[in-house]
Every structure is written in structure tokens, then in C-alpha cells.
Amino acid sequence: METALLDKQQLMQNAQQSMQQLFQDEGYTDQQKLALTCRILFEHGHDSGLAGQITSRTEKGNTFITQRFGLGFDEITAANLLEVDQDLKPLNGEGMANPANRFHTWIYKEHPEVNCIIHTHPTHIAALSMLRVPLIVSHMDTCALYEDCSFVSDWPGVPVGNEEGIFISAALGQKRAVLLSHHGQLVAGKTIEEACNLAILIERAARLQLLAMAAGQVQQIPHELAKEAHDWLSTDKRNKVNFAYYARKALKNHSDCIEG
């Protein structure tokens, strides 16, 4: 057995190389990825009526794609998405963006590495936000968020003003997620795939935390091991492989979303 004498770091490196070689991108357009993300998150409990926004920066840099206000996540298709400018004016169709998208424009302005933002109010995140306690990451599966989720203890109100945009952008800092008290969650990714995975993950982390808190005191996870797991779970290729799986599941029930 050739690998029996290899150390853990070498085995991890070999696994990463195999992922790069064996898994190819699915070839979806950004519009298709965003529509798939809406349907994926609908299936994972992120639906909250018309609340929540999902946006993706375009190649132009100063415009972004988002869902049309008035449609639920389960109604979004690649064809009915809007491209809007930094004033939220639609450039490629009728309708309007969610007015709360304003704070996305501030995040894009202040965080040039961010290309996709997801803000939703899923049940367990919303419940945790009502307790005004930070997200606790203490399970291997959720370590992609370890030391990677900010906490806002003071609710800034309805996020349709520039003030909230400046505030939330600053709260994000160098992290990829924010838990907003009395509100919900926000994740920001370099890719649509990364943001989609983080949105699924933060709701799962909140659910686990609430279950653990109901049973006793959550125990801390060892720092070095948590950081190792964070980096292992956060590679671009792993995000794309995860997204492809969720996309296949979503397309079984929502095959219309990538049309157009």
C-alpha cells in the first residue's frame, strides 16, 4: 500500500490534486448559477416570502445581477433575472430590484474581492438572531465558517438606506459571513458557488447550535484543527463540486430555472 507511509499533509495535498484533475466545471452561465442558487436555497429553507436578496457582480464590475422584486426564490429563472446598476436601475428589462439591494452595492464597492452576496432569513438563523448571540462553530462540517463569521449585536433597522450599507459592509470586514441580530444572515463569496455553499452552511450551523444549546453547553473545538478543517473545506474546487451536487438535486424539481 503506497500511501500507508505518507503523512496527513501529503494525503490532503494528493486529494486536492485529484479533485483538480477529475472534476470539471459544469459550464453554467452566471445567470444560470444565480437562478440555481435561488432554487437551491428555496429547497434548504431560505425562503421567506419576498425577503432576502441574491446578487452577483457582472464582468463590468459596476453592475450586478439579481432577482426581480415580487418573485419568490422558487420562481427565479435565468431569463427573469435583472441586471442593475449601482443605483438599482434595471438595465435589461422591466421591473425593479429589491430596495434592500442597496446595501449590496456598498459591499461590492468596499470589497472588490466579493463577486456574490446572499442575504436571507432562514428559520434557524432567524431564531438565533433573536437570542442576540454569535454563531458558534463547533462541528467539523461547519468549520468553513470557523472564525469567518462576524456578529452584529445591534439591529440597524430595515436595510434600504446608505447608512445600513456602510454599516453592514464594515461589519463584514475580512470575513465571509455576518450574523445580524433580529434579522438574518449575509454571506459574501468570490464566486457564486462559494456564496451558495456558505449560505447553506450557515443555516445548518445555526440549527446545530440551537439543538446543542437546548441540550447543554456547546464545547469549543480545538483551534488548530478547526483552522485546518476551515481551509480544507474552503477551496474553490470543493465549492464547485458541492455546488454541482446541489444543482443536480435542484434540477430534479426545478428544471425550468436554467431556461432562457
C-alpha atoms as a PDB file:
ATOM      1  CA  MET A   1       0.000   0.000   0.000  1.00  0.00           C
ATOM      2  CA  GLU A   2       1.864   3.043  -1.327  1.00  0.00           C
ATOM      3  CA  THR A   3       0.036   5.673   0.724  1.00  0.00           C
ATOM      4  CA  ALA A   4       0.459   3.964   4.125  1.00  0.00           C
ATOM      5  CA  LEU A   5       3.675   5.837   4.863  1.00  0.00           C
ATOM      6  CA  LEU A   6       2.510   9.283   3.736  1.00  0.00           C
ATOM      7  CA  ASP A   7       1.762  11.917   6.355  1.00  0.00           C
ATOM      8  CA  LYS A   8      -1.582  13.710   6.632  1.00  0.00           C
ATOM      9  CA  GLN A   9      -0.463  16.849   4.800  1.00  0.00           C
ATOM     10  CA  GLN A  10       0.719  14.831   1.809  1.00  0.00           C
ATOM     11  CA  LEU A  11      -2.522  12.851   1.717  1.00  0.00           C
ATOM     12  CA  MET A  12      -4.536  16.083   1.828  1.00  0.00           C
ATOM     13  CA  GLN A  13      -2.441  17.549  -0.971  1.00  0.00           C
ATOM     14  CA  ASN A  14      -2.907  14.402  -3.064  1.00  0.00           C
ATOM     15  CA  ALA A  15      -6.680  14.595  -2.563  1.00  0.00           C
ATOM     16  CA  GLN A  16      -6.738  18.245  -3.674  1.00  0.00           C
ATOM     17  CA  GLN A  17      -4.757  17.370  -6.797  1.00  0.00           C
ATOM     18  CA  SER A  18      -7.167  14.543  -7.606  1.00  0.00           C
ATOM     19  CA  MET A  19     -10.126  16.914  -7.295  1.00  0.00           C
ATOM     20  CA  GLN A  20      -8.492  19.319  -9.731  1.00  0.00           C
ATOM     21  CA  GLN A  21      -7.878  16.546 -12.255  1.00  0.00           C
ATOM     22  CA  LEU A  22     -11.133  14.612 -12.010  1.00  0.00           C
ATOM     23  CA  PHE A  23     -13.866  17.252 -11.624  1.00  0.00           C
ATOM     24  CA  GLN A  24     -14.673  19.587 -14.483  1.00  0.00           C
ATOM     25  CA  ASP A  25     -16.827  22.726 -14.284  1.00  0.00           C
ATOM     26  CA  GLU A  26     -20.459  22.268 -15.339  1.00  0.00           C
ATOM     27  CA  GLY A  27     -20.402  25.193 -17.770  1.00  0.00           C
ATOM     28  CA  TYR A  28     -23.371  27.114 -16.376  1.00  0.00           C
ATOM     29  CA  THR A  29     -23.598  30.835 -17.104  1.00  0.00           C
ATOM     30  CA  ASP A  30     -23.641  33.236 -14.157  1.00  0.00           C
ATOM     31  CA  GLN A  31     -27.363  33.788 -14.754  1.00  0.00           C
ATOM     32  CA  GLN A  32     -27.964  30.034 -14.592  1.00  0.00           C
ATOM     33  CA  LYS A  33     -25.831  29.716 -11.463  1.00  0.00           C
ATOM     34  CA  LEU A  34     -27.743  32.521  -9.775  1.00  0.00           C
ATOM     35  CA  ALA A  35     -31.114  31.026 -10.739  1.00  0.00           C
ATOM     36  CA  LEU A  36     -29.945  27.629  -9.493  1.00  0.00           C
ATOM     37  CA  THR A  37     -28.799  29.249  -6.238  1.00  0.00           C
ATOM     38  CA  CYS A  38     -32.275  30.699  -5.704  1.00  0.00           C
ATOM     39  CA  ARG A  39     -33.868  27.270  -6.185  1.00  0.00           C
ATOM     40  CA  ILE A  40     -31.217  25.502  -4.074  1.00  0.00           C
ATOM     41  CA  LEU A  41     -31.733  27.891  -1.186  1.00  0.00           C
ATOM     42  CA  PHE A  42     -35.504  27.608  -1.535  1.00  0.00           C
ATOM     43  CA  GLU A  43     -35.113  23.862  -1.050  1.00  0.00           C
ATOM     44  CA  HIS A  44     -32.889  24.464   2.000  1.00  0.00           C
ATOM     45  CA  GLY A  45     -35.322  26.643   3.926  1.00  0.00           C
ATOM     46  CA  HIS A  46     -34.086  30.109   2.965  1.00  0.00           C
ATOM     47  CA  ASP A  47     -37.426  31.163   1.522  1.00  0.00           C
ATOM     48  CA  SER A  48     -39.089  33.963   3.493  1.00  0.00           C
ATOM     49  CA  GLY A  49     -41.672  35.420   1.140  1.00  0.00           C
ATOM     50  CA  LEU A  50     -40.123  38.354  -0.714  1.00  0.00           C
ATOM     51  CA  ALA A  51     -37.422  38.916   1.905  1.00  0.00           C
ATOM     52  CA  GLY A  52     -33.823  38.191   1.017  1.00  0.00           C
ATOM     53  CA  GLN A  53     -31.632  39.071  -1.926  1.00  0.00           C
ATOM     54  CA  ILE A  54     -29.103  37.221  -4.033  1.00  0.00           C
ATOM     55  CA  THR A  55     -26.744  39.205  -6.261  1.00  0.00           C
ATOM     56  CA  SER A  56     -23.741  38.552  -8.469  1.00  0.00           C
ATOM     57  CA  ARG A  57     -21.279  41.115  -9.790  1.00  0.00           C
ATOM     58  CA  THR A  58     -21.019  41.205 -13.586  1.00  0.00           C
ATOM     59  CA  GLU A  59     -17.814  41.390 -15.610  1.00  0.00           C
ATOM     60  CA  LYS A  60     -18.423  45.122 -15.975  1.00  0.00           C
ATOM     61  CA  GLY A  61     -17.627  45.466 -12.295  1.00  0.00           C
ATOM     62  CA  ASN A  62     -20.144  48.202 -11.531  1.00  0.00           C
ATOM     63  CA  THR A  63     -23.383  46.336 -12.263  1.00  0.00           C
ATOM     64  CA  PHE A  64     -24.858  43.167 -10.806  1.00  0.00           C
ATOM     65  CA  ILE A  65     -27.458  40.501 -11.481  1.00  0.00           C
ATOM     66  CA  THR A  66     -30.301  39.985  -9.040  1.00  0.00           C
ATOM     67  CA  GLN A  67     -33.795  38.611  -8.822  1.00  0.00           C
ATOM     68  CA  ARG A  68     -36.814  40.672  -9.831  1.00  0.00           C
ATOM     69  CA  PHE A  69     -38.694  42.039  -6.813  1.00  0.00           C
ATOM     70  CA  GLY A  70     -42.097  40.388  -6.483  1.00  0.00           C
ATOM     71  CA  LEU A  71     -40.864  36.889  -7.338  1.00  0.00           C
ATOM     72  CA  GLY A  72     -40.052  34.212  -4.780  1.00  0.00           C
ATOM     73  CA  PHE A  73     -36.855  32.179  -4.858  1.00  0.00           C
ATOM     74  CA  ASP A  74     -38.831  29.271  -6.354  1.00  0.00           C
ATOM     75  CA  GLU A  75     -39.897  31.434  -9.320  1.00  0.00           C
ATOM     76  CA  ILE A  76     -36.480  32.677 -10.392  1.00  0.00           C
ATOM     77  CA  THR A  77     -35.118  31.629 -13.778  1.00  0.00           C
ATOM     78  CA  ALA A  78     -32.068  32.662 -15.769  1.00  0.00           C
ATOM     79  CA  ALA A  79     -34.457  34.544 -18.073  1.00  0.00           C
ATOM     80  CA  ASN A  80     -36.243  36.691 -15.471  1.00  0.00           C
ATOM     81  CA  LEU A  81     -33.171  37.938 -13.601  1.00  0.00           C
ATOM     82  CA  LEU A  82     -32.340  41.628 -13.774  1.00  0.00           C
ATOM     83  CA  GLU A  83     -29.069  43.407 -14.370  1.00  0.00           C
ATOM     84  CA  VAL A  84     -29.000  46.627 -12.358  1.00  0.00           C
ATOM     85  CA  ASP A  85     -26.545  49.464 -11.862  1.00  0.00           C
ATOM     86  CA  GLN A  86     -25.316  50.857  -8.553  1.00  0.00           C
ATOM     87  CA  ASP A  87     -28.498  52.933  -8.259  1.00  0.00           C
ATOM     88  CA  LEU A  88     -30.570  49.738  -8.656  1.00  0.00           C
ATOM     89  CA  LYS A  89     -31.874  50.828 -12.054  1.00  0.00           C
ATOM     90  CA  PRO A  90     -32.647  47.818 -14.314  1.00  0.00           C
ATOM     91  CA  LEU A  91     -30.536  47.731 -17.481  1.00  0.00           C
ATOM     92  CA  ASN A  92     -32.011  44.745 -19.286  1.00  0.00           C
ATOM     93  CA  GLY A  93     -35.692  44.540 -18.529  1.00  0.00           C
ATOM     94  CA  GLU A  94     -38.751  45.828 -16.773  1.00  0.00           C
ATOM     95  CA  GLY A  95     -39.477  45.557 -13.086  1.00  0.00           C
ATOM     96  CA  MET A  96     -37.410  46.522 -10.078  1.00  0.00           C
ATOM     97  CA  ALA A  97     -34.818  45.092  -7.749  1.00  0.00           C
ATOM     98  CA  ASN A  98     -35.479  44.635  -4.049  1.00  0.00           C
ATOM     99  CA  PRO A  99     -34.849  48.074  -2.469  1.00  0.00           C
ATOM    100  CA  ALA A 100     -32.733  46.344   0.201  1.00  0.00           C
ATOM    101  CA  ASN A 101     -30.189  45.543  -2.510  1.00  0.00           C
ATOM    102  CA  ARG A 102     -28.741  48.973  -1.742  1.00  0.00           C
ATOM    103  CA  PHE A 103     -26.510  47.556   0.960  1.00  0.00           C
ATOM    104  CA  HIS A 104     -25.109  45.053  -1.559  1.00  0.00           C
ATOM    105  CA  THR A 105     -23.800  47.970  -3.620  1.00  0.00           C
ATOM    106  CA  TRP A 106     -21.803  49.187  -0.638  1.00  0.00           C
ATOM    107  CA  ILE A 107     -20.298  45.751  -0.034  1.00  0.00           C
ATOM    108  CA  TYR A 108     -19.269  45.467  -3.680  1.00  0.00           C
ATOM    109  CA  LYS A 109     -17.793  48.964  -3.509  1.00  0.00           C
ATOM    110  CA  GLU A 110     -15.759  48.303  -0.351  1.00  0.00           C
ATOM    111  CA  HIS A 111     -14.884  44.637  -1.016  1.00  0.00           C
ATOM    112  CA  PRO A 112     -13.563  44.226  -4.573  1.00  0.00           C
ATOM    113  CA  GLU A 113     -12.829  40.529  -3.972  1.00  0.00           C
ATOM    114  CA  VAL A 114     -16.539  39.804  -3.441  1.00  0.00           C
ATOM    115  CA  ASN A 115     -18.488  38.713  -6.509  1.00  0.00           C
ATOM    116  CA  CYS A 116     -21.643  37.202  -4.969  1.00  0.00           C
ATOM    117  CA  ILE A 117     -23.730  38.210  -1.944  1.00  0.00           C
ATOM    118  CA  ILE A 118     -26.580  36.235  -0.377  1.00  0.00           C
ATOM    119  CA  HIS A 119     -28.758  37.744   2.326  1.00  0.00           C
ATOM    120  CA  THR A 120     -31.632  35.623   3.683  1.00  0.00           C
ATOM    121  CA  HIS A 121     -33.732  35.000   6.812  1.00  0.00           C
ATOM    122  CA  PRO A 122     -33.809  31.188   7.154  1.00  0.00           C
ATOM    123  CA  THR A 123     -35.623  29.797  10.208  1.00  0.00           C
ATOM    124  CA  HIS A 124     -32.722  28.730  12.427  1.00  0.00           C
ATOM    125  CA  ILE A 125     -30.604  31.779  11.653  1.00  0.00           C
ATOM    126  CA  ALA A 126     -33.619  33.996  12.368  1.00  0.00           C
ATOM    127  CA  ALA A 127     -34.232  32.192  15.664  1.00  0.00           C
ATOM    128  CA  LEU A 128     -30.572  32.511  16.676  1.00  0.00           C
ATOM    129  CA  SER A 129     -30.606  36.192  15.730  1.00  0.00           C
ATOM    130  CA  MET A 130     -33.460  36.722  18.212  1.00  0.00           C
ATOM    131  CA  LEU A 131     -31.208  35.479  21.029  1.00  0.00           C
ATOM    132  CA  ARG A 132     -28.517  38.033  20.083  1.00  0.00           C
ATOM    133  CA  VAL A 133     -25.693  35.525  20.417  1.00  0.00           C
ATOM    134  CA  PRO A 134     -22.864  34.964  17.893  1.00  0.00           C
ATOM    135  CA  LEU A 135     -22.671  31.917  15.677  1.00  0.00           C
ATOM    136  CA  ILE A 136     -20.697  29.155  17.394  1.00  0.00           C
ATOM    137  CA  VAL A 137     -18.798  26.807  15.108  1.00  0.00           C
ATOM    138  CA  SER A 138     -18.053  23.583  16.955  1.00  0.00           C
ATOM    139  CA  HIS A 139     -18.584  20.814  14.427  1.00  0.00           C
ATOM    140  CA  MET A 140     -16.319  19.659  11.619  1.00  0.00           C
ATOM    141  CA  ASP A 141     -18.980  20.033   8.937  1.00  0.00           C
ATOM    142  CA  THR A 142     -19.394  23.765   9.660  1.00  0.00           C
ATOM    143  CA  CYS A 143     -15.715  24.657  10.046  1.00  0.00           C
ATOM    144  CA  ALA A 144     -15.684  26.599   6.775  1.00  0.00           C
ATOM    145  CA  LEU A 145     -17.248  29.328   8.943  1.00  0.00           C
ATOM    146  CA  TYR A 146     -14.752  28.984  11.796  1.00  0.00           C
ATOM    147  CA  GLU A 147     -13.502  32.496  12.683  1.00  0.00           C
ATOM    148  CA  ASP A 148     -15.142  33.560   9.420  1.00  0.00           C
ATOM    149  CA  CYS A 149     -18.485  34.945  10.636  1.00  0.00           C
ATOM    150  CA  SER A 150     -18.898  38.422  12.121  1.00  0.00           C
ATOM    151  CA  PHE A 151     -21.643  39.275  14.579  1.00  0.00           C
ATOM    152  CA  VAL A 152     -23.797  42.412  14.665  1.00  0.00           C
ATOM    153  CA  SER A 153     -25.470  42.708  18.051  1.00  0.00           C
ATOM    154  CA  ASP A 154     -27.377  45.932  17.333  1.00  0.00           C
ATOM    155  CA  TRP A 155     -30.090  45.783  14.678  1.00  0.00           C
ATOM    156  CA  PRO A 156     -29.671  48.681  12.208  1.00  0.00           C
ATOM    157  CA  GLY A 157     -33.299  48.553  11.025  1.00  0.00           C
ATOM    158  CA  VAL A 158     -34.678  47.993   7.529  1.00  0.00           C
ATOM    159  CA  PRO A 159     -31.594  47.939   5.252  1.00  0.00           C
ATOM    160  CA  VAL A 160     -32.774  50.219   2.458  1.00  0.00           C
ATOM    161  CA  GLY A 161     -30.618  53.256   3.270  1.00  0.00           C
ATOM    162  CA  ASN A 162     -26.998  54.039   2.580  1.00  0.00           C
ATOM    163  CA  GLU A 163     -26.338  54.109   6.327  1.00  0.00           C
ATOM    164  CA  GLU A 164     -27.144  50.411   6.603  1.00  0.00           C
ATOM    165  CA  GLY A 165     -24.970  49.668   3.582  1.00  0.00           C
ATOM    166  CA  ILE A 166     -21.953  51.370   5.148  1.00  0.00           C
ATOM    167  CA  PHE A 167     -22.626  49.682   8.490  1.00  0.00           C
ATOM    168  CA  ILE A 168     -23.066  46.147   7.138  1.00  0.00           C
ATOM    169  CA  SER A 169     -20.095  46.464   4.795  1.00  0.00           C
ATOM    170  CA  ALA A 170     -17.885  47.475   7.710  1.00  0.00           C
ATOM    171  CA  ALA A 171     -19.290  44.646   9.876  1.00  0.00           C
ATOM    172  CA  LEU A 172     -18.317  42.087   7.238  1.00  0.00           C
ATOM    173  CA  GLY A 173     -14.698  43.165   7.494  1.00  0.00           C
ATOM    174  CA  GLN A 174     -12.326  40.476   6.205  1.00  0.00           C
ATOM    175  CA  LYS A 175     -14.767  37.645   6.898  1.00  0.00           C
ATOM    176  CA  ARG A 176     -17.154  35.853   4.550  1.00  0.00           C
ATOM    177  CA  ALA A 177     -20.308  35.915   6.690  1.00  0.00           C
ATOM    178  CA  VAL A 178     -22.275  38.083   9.106  1.00  0.00           C
ATOM    179  CA  LEU A 179     -24.980  37.138  11.599  1.00  0.00           C
ATOM    180  CA  LEU A 180     -27.323  40.116  12.032  1.00  0.00           C
ATOM    181  CA  SER A 181     -29.260  40.290  15.300  1.00  0.00           C
ATOM    182  CA  HIS A 182     -33.063  40.385  14.951  1.00  0.00           C
ATOM    183  CA  HIS A 183     -32.596  39.940  11.223  1.00  0.00           C
ATOM    184  CA  GLY A 184     -30.779  37.168   9.361  1.00  0.00           C
ATOM    185  CA  GLN A 185     -27.523  36.270   7.682  1.00  0.00           C
ATOM    186  CA  LEU A 186     -25.280  37.547   4.929  1.00  0.00           C
ATOM    187  CA  VAL A 187     -22.546  35.642   3.126  1.00  0.00           C
ATOM    188  CA  ALA A 188     -20.123  37.004   0.547  1.00  0.00           C
ATOM    189  CA  GLY A 189     -18.139  34.842  -1.841  1.00  0.00           C
ATOM    190  CA  LYS A 190     -15.539  35.250  -4.530  1.00  0.00           C
ATOM    191  CA  THR A 191     -17.789  33.043  -6.658  1.00  0.00           C
ATOM    192  CA  ILE A 192     -21.493  32.221  -6.811  1.00  0.00           C
ATOM    193  CA  GLU A 193     -20.668  28.635  -5.856  1.00  0.00           C
ATOM    194  CA  GLU A 194     -18.810  29.728  -2.729  1.00  0.00           C
ATOM    195  CA  ALA A 195     -21.606  32.036  -1.590  1.00  0.00           C
ATOM    196  CA  CYS A 196     -24.270  29.373  -2.176  1.00  0.00           C
ATOM    197  CA  ASN A 197     -22.356  26.822  -0.118  1.00  0.00           C
ATOM    198  CA  LEU A 198     -21.774  29.303   2.710  1.00  0.00           C
ATOM    199  CA  ALA A 199     -25.474  30.204   2.817  1.00  0.00           C
ATOM    200  CA  ILE A 200     -26.448  26.547   3.155  1.00  0.00           C
ATOM    201  CA  LEU A 201     -23.741  26.048   5.756  1.00  0.00           C
ATOM    202  CA  ILE A 202     -24.594  28.991   7.998  1.00  0.00           C
ATOM    203  CA  GLU A 203     -28.207  27.864   8.357  1.00  0.00           C
ATOM    204  CA  ARG A 204     -27.045  24.325   9.191  1.00  0.00           C
ATOM    205  CA  ALA A 205     -24.592  25.747  11.746  1.00  0.00           C
ATOM    206  CA  ALA A 206     -27.372  27.764  13.398  1.00  0.00           C
ATOM    207  CA  ARG A 207     -29.627  24.715  13.542  1.00  0.00           C
ATOM    208  CA  LEU A 208     -26.884  22.618  15.143  1.00  0.00           C
ATOM    209  CA  GLN A 209     -26.112  25.385  17.614  1.00  0.00           C
ATOM    210  CA  LEU A 210     -29.732  25.712  18.726  1.00  0.00           C
ATOM    211  CA  LEU A 211     -30.053  21.940  19.143  1.00  0.00           C
ATOM    212  CA  ALA A 212     -26.819  21.766  21.154  1.00  0.00           C
ATOM    213  CA  MET A 213     -27.754  24.773  23.320  1.00  0.00           C
ATOM    214  CA  ALA A 214     -31.074  23.103  24.138  1.00  0.00           C
ATOM    215  CA  ALA A 215     -29.225  20.024  25.389  1.00  0.00           C
ATOM    216  CA  GLY A 216     -26.343  21.644  27.259  1.00  0.00           C
ATOM    217  CA  GLN A 217     -23.299  23.870  26.848  1.00  0.00           C
ATOM    218  CA  VAL A 218     -21.566  23.915  23.482  1.00  0.00           C
ATOM    219  CA  GLN A 219     -17.949  22.816  23.796  1.00  0.00           C
ATOM    220  CA  GLN A 220     -15.183  24.578  21.907  1.00  0.00           C
ATOM    221  CA  ILE A 221     -13.449  22.837  19.045  1.00  0.00           C
ATOM    222  CA  PRO A 222      -9.602  22.753  19.076  1.00  0.00           C
ATOM    223  CA  HIS A 223      -8.356  25.877  17.284  1.00  0.00           C
ATOM    224  CA  GLU A 224      -5.632  24.353  15.095  1.00  0.00           C
ATOM    225  CA  LEU A 225      -7.853  21.502  13.954  1.00  0.00           C
ATOM    226  CA  ALA A 226     -10.703  23.906  13.214  1.00  0.00           C
ATOM    227  CA  LYS A 227      -8.413  26.088  11.095  1.00  0.00           C
ATOM    228  CA  GLU A 228      -7.207  23.007   9.231  1.00  0.00           C
ATOM    229  CA  ALA A 229     -10.813  21.993   8.525  1.00  0.00           C
ATOM    230  CA  HIS A 230     -11.695  25.576   7.521  1.00  0.00           C
ATOM    231  CA  ASP A 231      -9.037  25.605   4.814  1.00  0.00           C
ATOM    232  CA  TRP A 232      -9.804  22.030   3.702  1.00  0.00           C
ATOM    233  CA  LEU A 233     -13.477  22.870   3.203  1.00  0.00           C
ATOM    234  CA  SER A 234     -12.951  26.290   1.599  1.00  0.00           C
ATOM    235  CA  THR A 235     -11.124  25.607  -1.664  1.00  0.00           C
ATOM    236  CA  ASP A 236     -12.575  26.848  -4.939  1.00  0.00           C
ATOM    237  CA  LYS A 237     -12.729  23.340  -6.413  1.00  0.00           C
ATOM    238  CA  ARG A 238     -14.556  21.889  -3.409  1.00  0.00           C
ATOM    239  CA  ASN A 239     -17.068  24.748  -3.572  1.00  0.00           C
ATOM    240  CA  LYS A 240     -17.706  23.973  -7.239  1.00  0.00           C
ATOM    241  CA  VAL A 241     -18.075  20.226  -6.645  1.00  0.00           C
ATOM    242  CA  ASN A 242     -20.508  20.912  -3.779  1.00  0.00           C
ATOM    243  CA  PHE A 243     -22.489  23.353  -5.905  1.00  0.00           C
ATOM    244  CA  ALA A 244     -22.729  20.853  -8.765  1.00  0.00           C
ATOM    245  CA  TYR A 245     -24.287  18.325  -6.381  1.00  0.00           C
ATOM    246  CA  TYR A 246     -26.837  20.827  -5.064  1.00  0.00           C
ATOM    247  CA  ALA A 247     -27.589  21.918  -8.640  1.00  0.00           C
ATOM    248  CA  ARG A 248     -28.329  18.336  -9.712  1.00  0.00           C
ATOM    249  CA  LYS A 249     -30.719  17.946  -6.788  1.00  0.00           C
ATOM    250  CA  ALA A 250     -32.463  21.251  -7.550  1.00  0.00           C
ATOM    251  CA  LEU A 251     -32.868  20.443 -11.237  1.00  0.00           C
ATOM    252  CA  LYS A 252     -34.879  17.328 -10.391  1.00  0.00           C
ATOM    253  CA  ASN A 253     -37.696  19.585  -9.170  1.00  0.00           C
ATOM    254  CA  HIS A 254     -36.832  22.898 -10.853  1.00  0.00           C
ATOM    255  CA  SER A 255     -35.647  22.068 -14.371  1.00  0.00           C
ATOM    256  CA  ASP A 256     -37.149  25.326 -15.682  1.00  0.00           C
ATOM    257  CA  CYS A 257     -34.767  27.573 -13.751  1.00  0.00           C
ATOM    258  CA  ILE A 258     -31.870  27.426 -16.241  1.00  0.00           C
ATOM    259  CA  GLU A 259     -34.036  28.129 -19.279  1.00  0.00           C
ATOM    260  CA  GLY A 260     -33.657  31.383 -21.184  1.00  0.00           C
END
